[in-house]
C-alpha atoms as a PDB file:
ATOM      1  CA  UNK A   1      -6.156  18.989 -17.789  1.00  0.00           C
ATOM      2  CA  UNK A   2      -6.287  22.560 -19.039  1.00  0.00           C
ATOM      3  CA  UNK A   3      -8.857  23.913 -16.606  1.00  0.00           C
ATOM      4  CA  UNK A   4      -8.930  24.363 -12.850  1.00  0.00           C
ATOM      5  CA  UNK A   5     -11.216  22.085 -10.841  1.00  0.00           C
ATOM      6  CA  UNK A   6     -12.422  21.833  -7.261  1.00  0.00           C
ATOM      7  CA  UNK A   7     -10.575  19.043  -5.446  1.00  0.00           C
ATOM      8  CA  UNK A   8     -12.840  16.017  -4.974  1.00  0.00           C
ATOM      9  CA  UNK A   9     -11.249  15.398  -1.579  1.00  0.00           C
ATOM     10  CA  UNK A  10     -10.772  18.689   0.283  1.00  0.00           C
ATOM     11  CA  UNK A  11     -13.372  20.704  -1.704  1.00  0.00           C
ATOM     12  CA  UNK A  12     -11.273  23.868  -1.142  1.00  0.00           C
ATOM     13  CA  UNK A  13     -12.724  26.615  -3.350  1.00  0.00           C
ATOM     14  CA  UNK A  14      -9.654  28.810  -2.765  1.00  0.00           C
ATOM     15  CA  UNK A  15      -7.138  26.183  -3.886  1.00  0.00           C
ATOM     16  CA  UNK A  16      -8.325  24.706  -7.179  1.00  0.00           C
ATOM     17  CA  UNK A  17      -6.655  21.665  -8.764  1.00  0.00           C
ATOM     18  CA  UNK A  18      -4.331  22.666 -11.605  1.00  0.00           C
ATOM     19  CA  UNK A  19      -1.675  20.747 -13.566  1.00  0.00           C
ATOM     20  CA  UNK A  20       0.936  22.279 -11.223  1.00  0.00           C
ATOM     21  CA  UNK A  21      -0.607  21.085  -7.930  1.00  0.00           C
ATOM     22  CA  UNK A  22      -2.562  17.942  -8.831  1.00  0.00           C
ATOM     23  CA  UNK A  23      -4.152  15.848 -11.499  1.00  0.00           C
ATOM     24  CA  UNK A  24      -6.985  13.666 -12.623  1.00  0.00           C
ATOM     25  CA  UNK A  25      -7.686  10.052 -11.654  1.00  0.00           C
ATOM     26  CA  UNK A  26      -9.241   8.090 -14.513  1.00  0.00           C
ATOM     27  CA  UNK A  27     -10.512   4.585 -15.103  1.00  0.00           C
ATOM     28  CA  UNK A  28     -10.879   2.668 -18.349  1.00  0.00           C
ATOM     29  CA  UNK A  29     -13.569   0.044 -18.716  1.00  0.00           C
ATOM     30  CA  UNK A  30     -14.970  -1.354 -21.922  1.00  0.00           C
ATOM     31  CA  UNK A  31     -12.692   0.892 -23.963  1.00  0.00           C
ATOM     32  CA  UNK A  32     -14.128   4.051 -22.407  1.00  0.00           C
ATOM     33  CA  UNK A  33     -12.210   6.522 -20.275  1.00  0.00           C
ATOM     34  CA  UNK A  34     -14.076   7.872 -17.250  1.00  0.00           C
ATOM     35  CA  UNK A  35     -12.857  10.639 -14.957  1.00  0.00           C
ATOM     36  CA  UNK A  36     -13.139   9.578 -11.318  1.00  0.00           C
ATOM     37  CA  UNK A  37     -11.750  12.643  -9.569  1.00  0.00           C
ATOM     38  CA  UNK A  38      -9.640  15.768  -9.689  1.00  0.00           C
ATOM     39  CA  UNK A  39      -7.391  15.923  -6.635  1.00  0.00           C
ATOM     40  CA  UNK A  40      -4.415  17.833  -5.313  1.00  0.00           C
ATOM     41  CA  UNK A  41      -1.121  15.961  -5.130  1.00  0.00           C
ATOM     42  CA  UNK A  42      -1.361  16.346  -1.334  1.00  0.00           C
ATOM     43  CA  UNK A  43      -4.932  14.928  -1.284  1.00  0.00           C
ATOM     44  CA  UNK A  44      -4.532  11.895  -3.550  1.00  0.00           C
ATOM     45  CA  UNK A  45      -3.717   9.352  -0.809  1.00  0.00           C
ATOM     46  CA  UNK A  46      -6.596  10.520   1.391  1.00  0.00           C
ATOM     47  CA  UNK A  47      -8.996  10.475  -1.569  1.00  0.00           C
ATOM     48  CA  UNK A  48      -7.825   6.985  -2.483  1.00  0.00           C
ATOM     49  CA  UNK A  49      -8.277   5.665   1.069  1.00  0.00           C
ATOM     50  CA  UNK A  50     -11.873   6.942   1.022  1.00  0.00           C
ATOM     51  CA  UNK A  51     -12.511   5.199  -2.317  1.00  0.00           C
ATOM     52  CA  UNK A  52     -11.844   1.466  -2.109  1.00  0.00           C
ATOM     53  CA  UNK A  53      -8.732   1.747   0.045  1.00  0.00           C
ATOM     54  CA  UNK A  54      -6.581   2.366  -3.011  1.00  0.00           C
ATOM     55  CA  UNK A  55      -3.091   3.691  -2.457  1.00  0.00           C
ATOM     56  CA  UNK A  56      -0.824   5.317  -4.972  1.00  0.00           C
ATOM     57  CA  UNK A  57       2.525   4.830  -3.171  1.00  0.00           C
ATOM     58  CA  UNK A  58       4.005   2.724  -5.971  1.00  0.00           C
ATOM     59  CA  UNK A  59       2.518   4.760  -8.799  1.00  0.00           C
ATOM     60  CA  UNK A  60       3.644   7.719 -10.798  1.00  0.00           C
ATOM     61  CA  UNK A  61       1.092  10.473 -10.856  1.00  0.00           C
ATOM     62  CA  UNK A  62      -1.367  10.455 -12.604  1.00  0.00           C
ATOM     63  CA  UNK A  63      -2.490   6.849 -12.472  1.00  0.00           C
ATOM     64  CA  UNK A  64      -4.799   4.749 -14.593  1.00  0.00           C
ATOM     65  CA  UNK A  65      -7.257   1.958 -13.752  1.00  0.00           C
ATOM     66  CA  UNK A  66      -8.703  -0.675 -16.090  1.00  0.00           C
ATOM     67  CA  UNK A  67     -11.545  -3.005 -15.076  1.00  0.00           C
ATOM     68  CA  UNK A  68     -11.286  -6.612 -16.231  1.00  0.00           C
ATOM     69  CA  UNK A  69     -14.190  -9.086 -16.141  1.00  0.00           C
ATOM     70  CA  UNK A  70     -13.090 -12.719 -15.993  1.00  0.00           C
ATOM     71  CA  UNK A  71     -14.588 -14.859 -18.754  1.00  0.00           C
ATOM     72  CA  UNK A  72     -14.508 -17.955 -16.530  1.00  0.00           C
ATOM     73  CA  UNK A  73     -15.858 -16.883 -13.119  1.00  0.00           C
ATOM     74  CA  UNK A  74     -17.379 -13.525 -14.152  1.00  0.00           C
ATOM     75  CA  UNK A  75     -15.499 -11.808 -11.288  1.00  0.00           C
ATOM     76  CA  UNK A  76     -14.284  -8.281 -11.868  1.00  0.00           C
ATOM     77  CA  UNK A  77     -10.847  -6.982 -10.897  1.00  0.00           C
ATOM     78  CA  UNK A  78      -8.768  -3.925 -11.691  1.00  0.00           C
ATOM     79  CA  UNK A  79      -5.360  -3.350 -13.155  1.00  0.00           C
ATOM     80  CA  UNK A  80      -3.943  -0.135 -11.676  1.00  0.00           C
ATOM     81  CA  UNK A  81      -0.713   1.522 -12.639  1.00  0.00           C
ATOM     82  CA  UNK A  82       1.288   4.333 -14.082  1.00  0.00           C
ATOM     83  CA  UNK A  83      -0.233   6.196 -16.976  1.00  0.00           C
ATOM     84  CA  UNK A  84       3.080   7.577 -18.187  1.00  0.00           C
ATOM     85  CA  UNK A  85       3.603   9.607 -21.319  1.00  0.00           C
ATOM     86  CA  UNK A  86       4.674   6.846 -23.688  1.00  0.00           C
ATOM     87  CA  UNK A  87       2.129   6.056 -26.428  1.00  0.00           C
ATOM     88  CA  UNK A  88       3.592   2.631 -27.278  1.00  0.00           C
ATOM     89  CA  UNK A  89       1.619  -0.267 -25.775  1.00  0.00           C
ATOM     90  CA  UNK A  90       2.530  -3.776 -24.665  1.00  0.00           C
ATOM     91  CA  UNK A  91       0.364  -6.826 -24.044  1.00  0.00           C
ATOM     92  CA  UNK A  92       0.901  -8.766 -20.843  1.00  0.00           C
ATOM     93  CA  UNK A  93      -0.819 -11.822 -19.405  1.00  0.00           C
ATOM     94  CA  UNK A  94      -2.498 -11.595 -15.992  1.00  0.00           C
ATOM     95  CA  UNK A  95      -4.487 -14.150 -13.984  1.00  0.00           C
ATOM     96  CA  UNK A  96      -7.907 -13.695 -12.419  1.00  0.00           C
ATOM     97  CA  UNK A  97      -7.584 -12.529  -8.791  1.00  0.00           C
ATOM     98  CA  UNK A  98     -10.407 -14.665  -7.427  1.00  0.00           C
ATOM     99  CA  UNK A  99      -9.944 -17.897  -5.468  1.00  0.00           C
ATOM    100  CA  UNK A 100      -9.792 -21.121  -7.439  1.00  0.00           C
ATOM    101  CA  UNK A 101      -9.996 -19.335 -10.804  1.00  0.00           C
ATOM    102  CA  UNK A 102      -6.690 -18.043 -12.201  1.00  0.00           C
ATOM    103  CA  UNK A 103      -8.133 -17.650 -15.725  1.00  0.00           C
ATOM    104  CA  UNK A 104      -5.480 -15.935 -17.870  1.00  0.00           C
ATOM    105  CA  UNK A 105      -6.384 -12.632 -19.542  1.00  0.00           C
ATOM    106  CA  UNK A 106      -4.335 -10.289 -21.698  1.00  0.00           C
ATOM    107  CA  UNK A 107      -4.001  -6.648 -20.660  1.00  0.00           C
ATOM    108  CA  UNK A 108      -2.771  -3.858 -22.915  1.00  0.00           C
ATOM    109  CA  UNK A 109      -0.679  -1.372 -20.961  1.00  0.00           C
ATOM    110  CA  UNK A 110       1.727   1.419 -21.740  1.00  0.00           C
ATOM    111  CA  UNK A 111       5.258   0.224 -22.419  1.00  0.00           C
ATOM    112  CA  UNK A 112       7.777   0.642 -19.561  1.00  0.00           C
ATOM    113  CA  UNK A 113       5.025   1.480 -17.036  1.00  0.00           C
ATOM    114  CA  UNK A 114       4.362  -0.665 -13.979  1.00  0.00           C
ATOM    115  CA  UNK A 115       0.960  -1.880 -12.790  1.00  0.00           C
ATOM    116  CA  UNK A 116      -0.588  -4.097 -10.114  1.00  0.00           C
ATOM    117  CA  UNK A 117      -3.883  -5.951  -9.842  1.00  0.00           C
ATOM    118  CA  UNK A 118      -6.519  -5.815  -7.120  1.00  0.00           C
ATOM    119  CA  UNK A 119      -9.993  -7.128  -6.449  1.00  0.00           C
ATOM    120  CA  UNK A 120     -12.760  -4.556  -6.658  1.00  0.00           C
ATOM    121  CA  UNK A 121     -14.103  -4.059  -3.098  1.00  0.00           C
ATOM    122  CA  UNK A 122     -17.761  -4.344  -4.151  1.00  0.00           C
ATOM    123  CA  UNK A 123     -16.961  -7.733  -5.708  1.00  0.00           C
ATOM    124  CA  UNK A 124     -15.247  -9.184  -2.595  1.00  0.00           C
END
């Protein structure tokens, strides 16, 4: 993030989001990276609560989201976690989050970075 952006939560034109006071929230789905929001460090929890009830308490800033579609039940869930600065990746097995499914799926994630899984609210 080299530019300044208006915060997607507080919309304060006099306090733009910069690398020193905030960051970008991104999602990855289908191999594509999509920017969801630019928010101040102080606004990230409030922004998250207004968008799917996400919280970032256990995450290092900035965070990353990946959407997974289950091949068995076709349900969609997210893997959310620390983006980190390490380029090296690991592959880890996860199970579908929907009732009576549990279909295993492999997720590629940055090495030494934690993540958690959650159902996507629109899919609940």
